[in-house]
N, C-alpha and C. Protein backbone atom coordinates (compact mmCIF):
# COMPACT_ATOMS: atom_id res chain seq x y z
N UNK A 1 78.13 2.56 13.88
CA UNK A 1 77.97 3.52 12.76
C UNK A 1 77.62 2.56 11.46
N UNK A 2 76.50 3.02 10.87
CA UNK A 2 76.19 2.21 9.59
C UNK A 2 77.28 2.51 8.51
N UNK A 3 77.21 1.74 7.54
CA UNK A 3 78.22 1.79 6.43
C UNK A 3 77.90 2.93 5.69
N UNK A 4 76.61 3.26 5.36
CA UNK A 4 76.25 4.41 4.51
C UNK A 4 76.62 5.81 5.26
N UNK A 5 76.47 5.80 6.47
CA UNK A 5 76.93 7.10 7.32
C UNK A 5 78.45 7.20 7.30
N UNK A 6 79.25 5.94 7.38
CA UNK A 6 80.62 5.96 7.33
C UNK A 6 81.20 6.55 5.88
N UNK A 7 80.58 6.04 4.81
CA UNK A 7 80.89 6.41 3.49
C UNK A 7 80.71 7.90 3.28
N UNK A 8 79.73 8.47 3.87
CA UNK A 8 79.50 9.87 3.72
C UNK A 8 80.52 10.78 4.33
N UNK A 9 81.03 10.16 5.66
CA UNK A 9 82.32 10.77 6.26
C UNK A 9 83.52 10.71 5.57
N UNK A 10 83.67 9.49 4.89
CA UNK A 10 84.92 9.33 4.26
C UNK A 10 85.16 9.77 2.86
N UNK A 11 83.85 9.78 2.00
CA UNK A 11 83.92 10.31 0.67
C UNK A 11 83.00 11.62 0.59
N UNK A 12 83.63 12.63 -0.06
CA UNK A 12 82.74 13.98 -0.12
C UNK A 12 81.64 13.62 -0.98
N UNK A 13 80.51 14.40 -0.79
CA UNK A 13 79.43 14.34 -1.58
C UNK A 13 79.82 14.80 -2.98
N UNK A 14 79.21 13.97 -4.08
CA UNK A 14 79.63 14.21 -5.39
C UNK A 14 79.21 15.67 -5.83
N UNK A 15 78.26 16.28 -5.06
CA UNK A 15 77.83 17.56 -5.55
C UNK A 15 78.77 18.52 -5.20
N UNK A 16 79.85 18.26 -4.49
CA UNK A 16 80.87 19.21 -4.10
C UNK A 16 82.11 19.29 -5.23
N UNK A 17 81.91 18.29 -6.17
CA UNK A 17 82.97 18.20 -7.42
C UNK A 17 82.60 19.38 -8.17
N UNK A 18 83.71 19.87 -8.70
CA UNK A 18 83.44 21.01 -9.84
C UNK A 18 84.32 20.81 -11.02
N UNK A 19 85.36 19.72 -10.96
CA UNK A 19 86.27 19.58 -12.08
C UNK A 19 86.59 18.13 -12.23
N UNK A 20 86.75 17.70 -13.56
CA UNK A 20 87.07 16.34 -13.65
C UNK A 20 88.48 16.37 -14.34
N UNK A 21 89.66 15.92 -13.76
CA UNK A 21 90.81 15.80 -14.36
C UNK A 21 91.16 14.34 -14.66
N UNK A 22 91.57 14.18 -16.09
CA UNK A 22 91.89 12.86 -16.53
C UNK A 22 93.35 12.81 -17.00
N UNK A 23 94.04 11.66 -16.46
CA UNK A 23 95.41 11.67 -16.87
C UNK A 23 95.38 10.30 -17.89
N UNK A 24 95.70 10.62 -19.25
CA UNK A 24 95.50 9.69 -20.13
C UNK A 24 94.44 10.00 -21.25
N UNK A 25 94.77 10.37 -22.34
CA UNK A 25 93.81 10.68 -23.42
C UNK A 25 93.56 9.62 -24.28
N UNK A 26 93.69 8.32 -23.85
CA UNK A 26 93.38 7.13 -24.73
C UNK A 26 91.91 6.95 -24.95
N UNK A 27 91.42 5.79 -25.22
CA UNK A 27 90.09 5.67 -25.34
C UNK A 27 89.27 5.74 -24.13
N UNK A 28 89.72 5.21 -22.99
CA UNK A 28 89.06 5.29 -21.67
C UNK A 28 89.12 6.74 -21.01
N UNK A 29 90.39 7.38 -21.18
CA UNK A 29 90.51 8.90 -20.76
C UNK A 29 89.51 9.61 -21.51
N UNK A 30 89.23 9.57 -22.82
CA UNK A 30 88.48 10.40 -23.70
C UNK A 30 87.04 10.15 -23.23
N UNK A 31 86.82 8.93 -22.99
CA UNK A 31 85.50 8.61 -22.55
C UNK A 31 85.09 9.32 -21.13
N UNK A 32 86.08 9.22 -20.32
CA UNK A 32 85.83 9.81 -18.86
C UNK A 32 85.70 11.34 -19.12
N UNK A 33 86.51 11.94 -19.85
CA UNK A 33 86.46 13.28 -20.10
C UNK A 33 85.04 13.82 -20.72
N UNK A 34 84.73 12.98 -21.65
CA UNK A 34 83.44 13.28 -22.55
C UNK A 34 82.34 13.16 -21.41
N UNK A 35 82.25 12.12 -20.63
CA UNK A 35 81.09 11.87 -19.61
C UNK A 35 81.08 13.05 -18.58
N UNK A 36 82.37 13.59 -18.22
CA UNK A 36 82.31 14.68 -17.18
C UNK A 36 81.90 15.93 -17.85
N UNK A 37 82.18 16.27 -19.27
CA UNK A 37 81.75 17.38 -19.88
C UNK A 37 80.32 17.32 -20.03
N UNK A 38 79.86 16.33 -20.49
CA UNK A 38 78.30 16.25 -20.70
C UNK A 38 77.52 16.40 -19.44
N UNK A 39 78.19 15.95 -18.30
CA UNK A 39 77.47 16.14 -16.99
C UNK A 39 77.65 17.59 -16.40
N UNK A 40 78.25 18.49 -17.35
CA UNK A 40 78.44 19.69 -16.85
C UNK A 40 79.66 20.27 -16.00
N UNK A 41 80.67 19.30 -15.82
CA UNK A 41 81.92 19.65 -15.22
C UNK A 41 82.96 20.40 -16.22
N UNK A 42 83.69 20.95 -15.49
CA UNK A 42 84.91 21.45 -16.18
C UNK A 42 85.88 20.40 -16.27
N UNK A 43 86.51 20.28 -17.44
CA UNK A 43 87.27 18.93 -17.71
C UNK A 43 88.67 19.38 -18.11
N UNK A 44 89.65 18.70 -17.47
CA UNK A 44 91.15 18.94 -17.85
C UNK A 44 91.62 17.43 -18.40
N UNK A 45 92.20 17.43 -19.43
CA UNK A 45 92.67 16.13 -19.99
C UNK A 45 94.28 16.19 -20.15
N UNK A 46 94.88 15.39 -19.53
CA UNK A 46 96.40 15.36 -19.76
C UNK A 46 96.82 14.17 -20.30
N UNK A 47 97.97 14.20 -21.08
CA UNK A 47 98.54 13.03 -21.72
C UNK A 47 99.97 13.40 -22.10
N UNK A 48 100.83 12.51 -22.05
CA UNK A 48 102.28 12.77 -22.43
C UNK A 48 102.57 12.87 -23.98
N UNK A 49 101.73 12.25 -24.71
CA UNK A 49 101.83 12.29 -26.02
C UNK A 49 101.07 13.62 -26.52
N UNK A 50 101.78 14.51 -27.08
CA UNK A 50 101.17 15.91 -27.53
C UNK A 50 100.30 15.76 -28.81
N UNK A 51 100.50 14.71 -29.61
CA UNK A 51 99.72 14.60 -30.77
C UNK A 51 98.19 14.00 -30.46
N UNK A 52 98.24 13.55 -29.39
CA UNK A 52 96.87 12.75 -29.11
C UNK A 52 95.84 13.84 -29.05
N UNK A 53 96.04 15.05 -28.75
CA UNK A 53 94.96 16.01 -28.43
C UNK A 53 94.24 16.46 -29.76
N UNK A 54 94.87 16.37 -30.88
CA UNK A 54 94.29 16.56 -32.19
C UNK A 54 93.23 15.67 -32.41
N UNK A 55 93.40 14.51 -31.82
CA UNK A 55 92.35 13.28 -31.99
C UNK A 55 91.18 13.48 -31.02
N UNK A 56 91.45 14.10 -29.85
CA UNK A 56 90.43 14.19 -28.91
C UNK A 56 89.45 15.33 -28.92
N UNK A 57 90.02 16.49 -29.54
CA UNK A 57 89.07 17.61 -29.54
C UNK A 57 87.91 17.41 -30.64
N UNK A 58 86.82 17.50 -30.16
CA UNK A 58 85.59 17.27 -31.12
C UNK A 58 85.17 18.57 -31.80
């Protein structure tokens, strides 16, 4: 079995993804959430620090 065929069996097609969930709303988490939103995905952003969300909502 070729590696590309094996990859398709192990990893679902990216077209089946509908939502991006990011744990951690720091610099990297915000970037991942923003990239997902700009790509048209529904985005959920989690963080343990409640005050961080005032900084992340644009």
